[in-house]
Amino acid sequence: MPEKKMKKRKVFQIAAPEANAVYLAGDFNGWKPDVRPLKEGRNGIWKTTLTLPPGIYEYRFVVDGEWCDDPRCDEKAPNSLGSENCLLHL
């Protein structure tokens, strides 16, 4: 019987105290900039949690319509738009 790969929970968060809306976009949701909203918590910290199978994922935040990097992510990869995507290893 093949080994079943366990999905892992990952909390994504960004400090954006002045933002009106924050979304998470990545290769896990077709890079759609408006389908995964984050919820604003204390001190302007926006969060969401995804459960994903093991792998390497690329993602970015969309803060009030502007694509933004995750300041807590140290590893990035160039994208086709001339900027970079953040990398997540699960």
PDB file of N, CA and C in Angstrom:
ATOM      1  N   MET A   1       0.847  -1.183   0.000  1.00  0.00           N
ATOM      2  CA  MET A   1       0.000   0.000   0.000  1.00  0.00           C
ATOM      3  C   MET A   1       0.894   1.249   0.000  1.00  0.00           C
ATOM      4  N   PRO A   2       0.695   2.196  -0.934  1.00  0.00           N
ATOM      5  CA  PRO A   2       1.547   3.386  -0.975  1.00  0.00           C
ATOM      6  C   PRO A   2       1.350   4.253   0.258  1.00  0.00           C
ATOM      7  N   GLU A   3       2.431   4.902   0.639  1.00  0.00           N
ATOM      8  CA  GLU A   3       2.373   5.787   1.801  1.00  0.00           C
ATOM      9  C   GLU A   3       1.552   7.033   1.464  1.00  0.00           C
ATOM     10  N   LYS A   4       0.629   7.369   2.341  1.00  0.00           N
ATOM     11  CA  LYS A   4      -0.227   8.532   2.130  1.00  0.00           C
ATOM     12  C   LYS A   4       0.494   9.781   2.633  1.00  0.00           C
ATOM     13  N   LYS A   5       0.575  10.801   1.786  1.00  0.00           N
ATOM     14  CA  LYS A   5       1.233  12.039   2.176  1.00  0.00           C
ATOM     15  C   LYS A   5       0.266  12.880   3.004  1.00  0.00           C
ATOM     16  N   MET A   6       0.702  13.247   4.169  1.00  0.00           N
ATOM     17  CA  MET A   6      -0.138  14.016   5.073  1.00  0.00           C
ATOM     18  C   MET A   6      -0.107  15.494   4.687  1.00  0.00           C
ATOM     19  N   LYS A   7      -1.285  16.089   4.671  1.00  0.00           N
ATOM     20  CA  LYS A   7      -1.355  17.523   4.420  1.00  0.00           C
ATOM     21  C   LYS A   7      -0.892  18.268   5.667  1.00  0.00           C
ATOM     22  N   LYS A   8      -0.361  19.459   5.445  1.00  0.00           N
ATOM     23  CA  LYS A   8       0.142  20.262   6.555  1.00  0.00           C
ATOM     24  C   LYS A   8      -0.571  21.608   6.580  1.00  0.00           C
ATOM     25  N   ARG A   9      -0.797  22.091   7.791  1.00  0.00           N
ATOM     26  CA  ARG A   9      -1.405  23.412   7.967  1.00  0.00           C
ATOM     27  C   ARG A   9      -0.313  24.474   7.965  1.00  0.00           C
ATOM     28  N   LYS A  10      -0.582  25.559   7.279  1.00  0.00           N
ATOM     29  CA  LYS A  10       0.362  26.677   7.220  1.00  0.00           C
ATOM     30  C   LYS A  10      -0.416  27.967   7.468  1.00  0.00           C
ATOM     31  N   VAL A  11       0.050  28.742   8.437  1.00  0.00           N
ATOM     32  CA  VAL A  11      -0.540  30.050   8.713  1.00  0.00           C
ATOM     33  C   VAL A  11       0.239  31.092   7.915  1.00  0.00           C
ATOM     34  N   PHE A  12      -0.471  31.853   7.111  1.00  0.00           N
ATOM     35  CA  PHE A  12       0.108  32.979   6.380  1.00  0.00           C
ATOM     36  C   PHE A  12      -0.327  34.241   7.102  1.00  0.00           C
ATOM     37  N   GLN A  13       0.611  35.158   7.317  1.00  0.00           N
ATOM     38  CA  GLN A  13       0.250  36.409   7.975  1.00  0.00           C
ATOM     39  C   GLN A  13       1.133  37.543   7.491  1.00  0.00           C
ATOM     40  N   ILE A  14       0.561  38.740   7.557  1.00  0.00           N
ATOM     41  CA  ILE A  14       1.293  39.940   7.154  1.00  0.00           C
ATOM     42  C   ILE A  14       0.777  41.110   7.994  1.00  0.00           C
ATOM     43  N   ALA A  15       1.689  41.968   8.389  1.00  0.00           N
ATOM     44  CA  ALA A  15       1.311  43.181   9.109  1.00  0.00           C
ATOM     45  C   ALA A  15       0.945  44.250   8.082  1.00  0.00           C
ATOM     46  N   ALA A  16      -0.302  44.680   8.117  1.00  0.00           N
ATOM     47  CA  ALA A  16      -0.784  45.718   7.202  1.00  0.00           C
ATOM     48  C   ALA A  16      -1.871  46.517   7.921  1.00  0.00           C
ATOM     49  N   PRO A  17      -1.470  47.294   8.951  1.00  0.00           N
ATOM     50  CA  PRO A  17      -2.467  47.970   9.789  1.00  0.00           C
ATOM     51  C   PRO A  17      -3.332  48.989   9.058  1.00  0.00           C
ATOM     52  N   GLU A  18      -2.864  49.526   7.946  1.00  0.00           N
ATOM     53  CA  GLU A  18      -3.632  50.531   7.214  1.00  0.00           C
ATOM     54  C   GLU A  18      -4.489  49.929   6.107  1.00  0.00           C
ATOM     55  N   ALA A  19      -4.365  48.613   5.888  1.00  0.00           N
ATOM     56  CA  ALA A  19      -5.059  47.966   4.762  1.00  0.00           C
ATOM     57  C   ALA A  19      -6.558  47.844   5.001  1.00  0.00           C
ATOM     58  N   ASN A  20      -7.290  47.870   3.902  1.00  0.00           N
ATOM     59  CA  ASN A  20      -8.726  47.617   3.930  1.00  0.00           C
ATOM     60  C   ASN A  20      -9.052  46.167   3.583  1.00  0.00           C
ATOM     61  N   ALA A  21      -8.195  45.551   2.757  1.00  0.00           N
ATOM     62  CA  ALA A  21      -8.407  44.158   2.341  1.00  0.00           C
ATOM     63  C   ALA A  21      -7.067  43.527   1.998  1.00  0.00           C
ATOM     64  N   VAL A  22      -6.870  42.285   2.432  1.00  0.00           N
ATOM     65  CA  VAL A  22      -5.649  41.539   2.139  1.00  0.00           C
ATOM     66  C   VAL A  22      -6.054  40.145   1.669  1.00  0.00           C
ATOM     67  N   TYR A  23      -5.416  39.688   0.583  1.00  0.00           N
ATOM     68  CA  TYR A  23      -5.677  38.371   0.017  1.00  0.00           C
ATOM     69  C   TYR A  23      -4.369  37.620  -0.148  1.00  0.00           C
ATOM     70  N   LEU A  24      -4.481  36.301  -0.257  1.00  0.00           N
ATOM     71  CA  LEU A  24      -3.344  35.438  -0.520  1.00  0.00           C
ATOM     72  C   LEU A  24      -3.551  34.811  -1.896  1.00  0.00           C
ATOM     73  N   ALA A  25      -2.550  34.926  -2.752  1.00  0.00           N
ATOM     74  CA  ALA A  25      -2.606  34.323  -4.089  1.00  0.00           C
ATOM     75  C   ALA A  25      -1.344  33.499  -4.296  1.00  0.00           C
ATOM     76  N   GLY A  26      -1.499  32.373  -4.991  1.00  0.00           N
ATOM     77  CA  GLY A  26      -0.335  31.535  -5.250  1.00  0.00           C
ATOM     78  C   GLY A  26      -0.675  30.429  -6.225  1.00  0.00           C
ATOM     79  N   ASP A  27       0.328  29.587  -6.467  1.00  0.00           N
ATOM     80  CA  ASP A  27       0.098  28.499  -7.409  1.00  0.00           C
ATOM     81  C   ASP A  27      -0.901  27.480  -6.855  1.00  0.00           C
ATOM     82  N   PHE A  28      -1.201  27.535  -5.564  1.00  0.00           N
ATOM     83  CA  PHE A  28      -2.195  26.649  -4.958  1.00  0.00           C
ATOM     84  C   PHE A  28      -3.629  27.098  -5.215  1.00  0.00           C
ATOM     85  N   ASN A  29      -3.841  28.324  -5.715  1.00  0.00           N
ATOM     86  CA  ASN A  29      -5.208  28.779  -6.027  1.00  0.00           C
ATOM     87  C   ASN A  29      -5.288  29.482  -7.387  1.00  0.00           C
ATOM     88  N   GLY A  30      -4.387  29.096  -8.288  1.00  0.00           N
ATOM     89  CA  GLY A  30      -4.423  29.638  -9.643  1.00  0.00           C
ATOM     90  C   GLY A  30      -4.055  31.104  -9.734  1.00  0.00           C
ATOM     91  N   TRP A  31      -3.360  31.623  -8.718  1.00  0.00           N
ATOM     92  CA  TRP A  31      -2.923  33.034  -8.675  1.00  0.00           C
ATOM     93  C   TRP A  31      -4.099  34.000  -8.733  1.00  0.00           C
ATOM     94  N   LYS A  32      -5.245  33.578  -8.287  1.00  0.00           N
ATOM     95  CA  LYS A  32      -6.409  34.472  -8.268  1.00  0.00           C
ATOM     96  C   LYS A  32      -6.269  35.435  -7.093  1.00  0.00           C
ATOM     97  N   PRO A  33      -6.236  36.736  -7.374  1.00  0.00           N
ATOM     98  CA  PRO A  33      -5.922  37.717  -6.331  1.00  0.00           C
ATOM     99  C   PRO A  33      -7.080  38.073  -5.406  1.00  0.00           C
ATOM    100  N   ASP A  34      -8.227  37.407  -5.559  1.00  0.00           N
ATOM    101  CA  ASP A  34      -9.366  37.816  -4.738  1.00  0.00           C
ATOM    102  C   ASP A  34     -10.191  36.646  -4.219  1.00  0.00           C
ATOM    103  N   VAL A  35      -9.591  35.447  -4.123  1.00  0.00           N
ATOM    104  CA  VAL A  35     -10.369  34.296  -3.668  1.00  0.00           C
ATOM    105  C   VAL A  35     -10.013  33.839  -2.250  1.00  0.00           C
ATOM    106  N   ARG A  36      -8.867  34.245  -1.738  1.00  0.00           N
ATOM    107  CA  ARG A  36      -8.456  33.803  -0.395  1.00  0.00           C
ATOM    108  C   ARG A  36      -8.206  35.020   0.498  1.00  0.00           C
ATOM    109  N   PRO A  37      -9.283  35.562   1.110  1.00  0.00           N
ATOM    110  CA  PRO A  37      -9.090  36.728   1.968  1.00  0.00           C
ATOM    111  C   PRO A  37      -8.440  36.352   3.300  1.00  0.00           C
ATOM    112  N   LEU A  38      -7.670  37.273   3.836  1.00  0.00           N
ATOM    113  CA  LEU A  38      -7.128  37.131   5.173  1.00  0.00           C
ATOM    114  C   LEU A  38      -8.034  37.897   6.125  1.00  0.00           C
ATOM    115  N   LYS A  39      -8.053  37.482   7.380  1.00  0.00           N
ATOM    116  CA  LYS A  39      -8.852  38.167   8.392  1.00  0.00           C
ATOM    117  C   LYS A  39      -7.952  39.048   9.229  1.00  0.00           C
ATOM    118  N   GLU A  40      -8.418  40.271   9.470  1.00  0.00           N
ATOM    119  CA  GLU A  40      -7.630  41.216  10.263  1.00  0.00           C
ATOM    120  C   GLU A  40      -7.769  40.877  11.742  1.00  0.00           C
ATOM    121  N   GLY A  41      -6.637  40.786  12.391  1.00  0.00           N
ATOM    122  CA  GLY A  41      -6.605  40.512  13.822  1.00  0.00           C
ATOM    123  C   GLY A  41      -6.036  41.697  14.580  1.00  0.00           C
ATOM    124  N   ARG A  42      -5.502  41.421  15.730  1.00  0.00           N
ATOM    125  CA  ARG A  42      -4.930  42.460  16.577  1.00  0.00           C
ATOM    126  C   ARG A  42      -3.728  43.129  15.927  1.00  0.00           C
ATOM    127  N   ASN A  43      -3.587  44.403  16.194  1.00  0.00           N
ATOM    128  CA  ASN A  43      -2.429  45.189  15.758  1.00  0.00           C
ATOM    129  C   ASN A  43      -2.235  45.190  14.242  1.00  0.00           C
ATOM    130  N   GLY A  44      -3.312  45.033  13.478  1.00  0.00           N
ATOM    131  CA  GLY A  44      -3.213  45.094  12.024  1.00  0.00           C
ATOM    132  C   GLY A  44      -2.539  43.901  11.394  1.00  0.00           C
ATOM    133  N   ILE A  45      -2.510  42.759  12.105  1.00  0.00           N
ATOM    134  CA  ILE A  45      -1.936  41.528  11.554  1.00  0.00           C
ATOM    135  C   ILE A  45      -3.060  40.753  10.867  1.00  0.00           C
ATOM    136  N   TRP A  46      -2.889  40.508   9.582  1.00  0.00           N
ATOM    137  CA  TRP A  46      -3.867  39.775   8.781  1.00  0.00           C
ATOM    138  C   TRP A  46      -3.405  38.327   8.660  1.00  0.00           C
ATOM    139  N   LYS A  47      -4.357  37.359   8.815  1.00  0.00           N
ATOM    140  CA  LYS A  47      -3.984  35.940   8.807  1.00  0.00           C
ATOM    141  C   LYS A  47      -4.996  35.094   8.051  1.00  0.00           C
ATOM    142  N   THR A  48      -4.478  33.993   7.516  1.00  0.00           N
ATOM    143  CA  THR A  48      -5.307  32.904   7.002  1.00  0.00           C
ATOM    144  C   THR A  48      -4.510  31.617   7.142  1.00  0.00           C
ATOM    145  N   THR A  49      -5.208  30.497   7.147  1.00  0.00           N
ATOM    146  CA  THR A  49      -4.557  29.191   7.265  1.00  0.00           C
ATOM    147  C   THR A  49      -4.979  28.321   6.091  1.00  0.00           C
ATOM    148  N   LEU A  50      -3.994  27.675   5.484  1.00  0.00           N
ATOM    149  CA  LEU A  50      -4.262  26.709   4.409  1.00  0.00           C
ATOM    150  C   LEU A  50      -3.773  25.334   4.843  1.00  0.00           C
ATOM    151  N   THR A  51      -4.407  24.308   4.341  1.00  0.00           N
ATOM    152  CA  THR A  51      -3.947  22.935   4.534  1.00  0.00           C
ATOM    153  C   THR A  51      -3.557  22.411   3.158  1.00  0.00           C
ATOM    154  N   LEU A  52      -2.262  22.109   3.008  1.00  0.00           N
ATOM    155  CA  LEU A  52      -1.706  21.750   1.700  1.00  0.00           C
ATOM    156  C   LEU A  52      -0.899  20.460   1.792  1.00  0.00           C
ATOM    157  N   PRO A  53      -0.848  19.697   0.696  1.00  0.00           N
ATOM    158  CA  PRO A  53       0.033  18.532   0.683  1.00  0.00           C
ATOM    159  C   PRO A  53       1.497  18.987   0.636  1.00  0.00           C
ATOM    160  N   PRO A  54       2.421  18.116   1.044  1.00  0.00           N
ATOM    161  CA  PRO A  54       3.839  18.476   0.990  1.00  0.00           C
ATOM    162  C   PRO A  54       4.252  18.899  -0.417  1.00  0.00           C
ATOM    163  N   GLY A  55       5.130  19.871  -0.492  1.00  0.00           N
ATOM    164  CA  GLY A  55       5.613  20.350  -1.776  1.00  0.00           C
ATOM    165  C   GLY A  55       6.225  21.733  -1.641  1.00  0.00           C
ATOM    166  N   ILE A  56       6.541  22.331  -2.779  1.00  0.00           N
ATOM    167  CA  ILE A  56       7.082  23.686  -2.829  1.00  0.00           C
ATOM    168  C   ILE A  56       6.038  24.555  -3.512  1.00  0.00           C
ATOM    169  N   TYR A  57       5.688  25.646  -2.875  1.00  0.00           N
ATOM    170  CA  TYR A  57       4.647  26.534  -3.376  1.00  0.00           C
ATOM    171  C   TYR A  57       5.192  27.948  -3.546  1.00  0.00           C
ATOM    172  N   GLU A  58       4.656  28.663  -4.534  1.00  0.00           N
ATOM    173  CA  GLU A  58       4.966  30.074  -4.734  1.00  0.00           C
ATOM    174  C   GLU A  58       3.720  30.874  -4.405  1.00  0.00           C
ATOM    175  N   TYR A  59       3.921  32.038  -3.755  1.00  0.00           N
ATOM    176  CA  TYR A  59       2.776  32.841  -3.345  1.00  0.00           C
ATOM    177  C   TYR A  59       3.177  34.305  -3.167  1.00  0.00           C
ATOM    178  N   ARG A  60       2.158  35.158  -3.081  1.00  0.00           N
ATOM    179  CA  ARG A  60       2.316  36.578  -2.751  1.00  0.00           C
ATOM    180  C   ARG A  60       1.032  37.045  -2.078  1.00  0.00           C
ATOM    181  N   PHE A  61       1.134  38.146  -1.368  1.00  0.00           N
ATOM    182  CA  PHE A  61      -0.043  38.786  -0.792  1.00  0.00           C
ATOM    183  C   PHE A  61      -0.530  39.875  -1.736  1.00  0.00           C
ATOM    184  N   VAL A  62      -1.815  40.171  -1.672  1.00  0.00           N
ATOM    185  CA  VAL A  62      -2.401  41.286  -2.413  1.00  0.00           C
ATOM    186  C   VAL A  62      -3.046  42.194  -1.365  1.00  0.00           C
ATOM    187  N   VAL A  63      -2.423  43.349  -1.153  1.00  0.00           N
ATOM    188  CA  VAL A  63      -2.865  44.299  -0.127  1.00  0.00           C
ATOM    189  C   VAL A  63      -3.489  45.500  -0.825  1.00  0.00           C
ATOM    190  N   ASP A  64      -4.785  45.662  -0.636  1.00  0.00           N
ATOM    191  CA  ASP A  64      -5.528  46.751  -1.287  1.00  0.00           C
ATOM    192  C   ASP A  64      -5.227  46.824  -2.785  1.00  0.00           C
ATOM    193  N   GLY A  65      -5.195  45.655  -3.427  1.00  0.00           N
ATOM    194  CA  GLY A  65      -4.990  45.576  -4.871  1.00  0.00           C
ATOM    195  C   GLY A  65      -3.546  45.583  -5.330  1.00  0.00           C
ATOM    196  N   GLU A  66      -2.593  45.768  -4.414  1.00  0.00           N
ATOM    197  CA  GLU A  66      -1.171  45.787  -4.765  1.00  0.00           C
ATOM    198  C   GLU A  66      -0.518  44.467  -4.370  1.00  0.00           C
ATOM    199  N   TRP A  67       0.215  43.858  -5.315  1.00  0.00           N
ATOM    200  CA  TRP A  67       0.933  42.615  -5.033  1.00  0.00           C
ATOM    201  C   TRP A  67       2.114  42.926  -4.116  1.00  0.00           C
ATOM    202  N   CYS A  68       2.268  42.143  -3.045  1.00  0.00           N
ATOM    203  CA  CYS A  68       3.318  42.387  -2.044  1.00  0.00           C
ATOM    204  C   CYS A  68       4.006  41.081  -1.665  1.00  0.00           C
ATOM    205  N   ASP A  69       5.284  41.203  -1.320  1.00  0.00           N
ATOM    206  CA  ASP A  69       6.034  40.064  -0.807  1.00  0.00           C
ATOM    207  C   ASP A  69       5.679  39.812   0.648  1.00  0.00           C
ATOM    208  N   ASP A  70       5.944  38.599   1.091  1.00  0.00           N
ATOM    209  CA  ASP A  70       5.836  38.245   2.500  1.00  0.00           C
ATOM    210  C   ASP A  70       7.153  38.658   3.157  1.00  0.00           C
ATOM    211  N   PRO A  71       7.141  39.661   4.042  1.00  0.00           N
ATOM    212  CA  PRO A  71       8.403  40.111   4.653  1.00  0.00           C
ATOM    213  C   PRO A  71       9.043  39.047   5.525  1.00  0.00           C
ATOM    214  N   ARG A  72       8.308  38.015   5.891  1.00  0.00           N
ATOM    215  CA  ARG A  72       8.859  36.945   6.729  1.00  0.00           C
ATOM    216  C   ARG A  72       9.463  35.811   5.907  1.00  0.00           C
ATOM    217  N   CYS A  73       9.380  35.908   4.581  1.00  0.00           N
ATOM    218  CA  CYS A  73       9.902  34.866   3.696  1.00  0.00           C
ATOM    219  C   CYS A  73      11.284  35.262   3.180  1.00  0.00           C
ATOM    220  N   ASP A  74      12.258  34.388   3.414  1.00  0.00           N
ATOM    221  CA  ASP A  74      13.634  34.669   2.981  1.00  0.00           C
ATOM    222  C   ASP A  74      13.961  34.112   1.610  1.00  0.00           C
ATOM    223  N   GLU A  75      13.162  33.166   1.126  1.00  0.00           N
ATOM    224  CA  GLU A  75      13.475  32.516  -0.147  1.00  0.00           C
ATOM    225  C   GLU A  75      12.476  32.945  -1.207  1.00  0.00           C
ATOM    226  N   LYS A  76      13.006  33.402  -2.342  1.00  0.00           N
ATOM    227  CA  LYS A  76      12.147  33.883  -3.417  1.00  0.00           C
ATOM    228  C   LYS A  76      12.627  33.303  -4.748  1.00  0.00           C
ATOM    229  N   ALA A  77      11.714  33.319  -5.723  1.00  0.00           N
ATOM    230  CA  ALA A  77      12.029  32.849  -7.070  1.00  0.00           C
ATOM    231  C   ALA A  77      11.520  33.877  -8.068  1.00  0.00           C
ATOM    232  N   PRO A  78      12.277  34.144  -9.139  1.00  0.00           N
ATOM    233  CA  PRO A  78      11.815  35.098 -10.143  1.00  0.00           C
ATOM    234  C   PRO A  78      10.528  34.615 -10.810  1.00  0.00           C
ATOM    235  N   ASN A  79       9.679  35.567 -11.177  1.00  0.00           N
ATOM    236  CA  ASN A  79       8.463  35.207 -11.906  1.00  0.00           C
ATOM    237  C   ASN A  79       8.483  35.832 -13.292  1.00  0.00           C
ATOM    238  N   SER A  80       7.482  35.528 -14.098  1.00  0.00           N
ATOM    239  CA  SER A  80       7.443  35.986 -15.485  1.00  0.00           C
ATOM    240  C   SER A  80       7.087  37.465 -15.618  1.00  0.00           C
ATOM    241  N   LEU A  81       6.759  38.119 -14.513  1.00  0.00           N
ATOM    242  CA  LEU A  81       6.392  39.542 -14.551  1.00  0.00           C
ATOM    243  C   LEU A  81       7.550  40.462 -14.193  1.00  0.00           C
ATOM    244  N   GLY A  82       8.738  39.883 -13.984  1.00  0.00           N
ATOM    245  CA  GLY A  82       9.909  40.691 -13.666  1.00  0.00           C
ATOM    246  C   GLY A  82      10.071  40.972 -12.183  1.00  0.00           C
ATOM    247  N   SER A  83       9.243  40.376 -11.353  1.00  0.00           N
ATOM    248  CA  SER A  83       9.401  40.517  -9.906  1.00  0.00           C
ATOM    249  C   SER A  83       9.671  39.132  -9.329  1.00  0.00           C
ATOM    250  N   GLU A  84       9.413  38.931  -8.057  1.00  0.00           N
ATOM    251  CA  GLU A  84       9.695  37.654  -7.427  1.00  0.00           C
ATOM    252  C   GLU A  84       8.480  37.151  -6.664  1.00  0.00           C
ATOM    253  N   ASN A  85       8.388  35.842  -6.548  1.00  0.00           N
ATOM    254  CA  ASN A  85       7.385  35.183  -5.725  1.00  0.00           C
ATOM    255  C   ASN A  85       8.062  34.628  -4.490  1.00  0.00           C
ATOM    256  N   CYS A  86       7.346  34.562  -3.408  1.00  0.00           N
ATOM    257  CA  CYS A  86       7.841  33.948  -2.183  1.00  0.00           C
ATOM    258  C   CYS A  86       7.703  32.439  -2.312  1.00  0.00           C
ATOM    259  N   LEU A  87       8.653  31.698  -1.721  1.00  0.00           N
ATOM    260  CA  LEU A  87       8.639  30.243  -1.779  1.00  0.00           C
ATOM    261  C   LEU A  87       8.303  29.665  -0.407  1.00  0.00           C
ATOM    262  N   LEU A  88       7.464  28.644  -0.416  1.00  0.00           N
ATOM    263  CA  LEU A  88       7.104  27.919   0.800  1.00  0.00           C
ATOM    264  C   LEU A  88       7.425  26.459   0.583  1.00  0.00           C
ATOM    265  N   HIS A  89       8.197  25.883   1.503  1.00  0.00           N
ATOM    266  CA  HIS A  89       8.525  24.452   1.474  1.00  0.00           C
ATOM    267  C   HIS A  89       7.738  23.758   2.585  1.00  0.00           C
ATOM    268  N   LEU A  90       6.877  22.829   2.199  1.00  0.00           N
ATOM    269  CA  LEU A  90       6.121  22.043   3.179  1.00  0.00           C
ATOM    270  C   LEU A  90       6.543  20.593   3.125  1.00  0.00           C
TER     271      LEU A  90
END
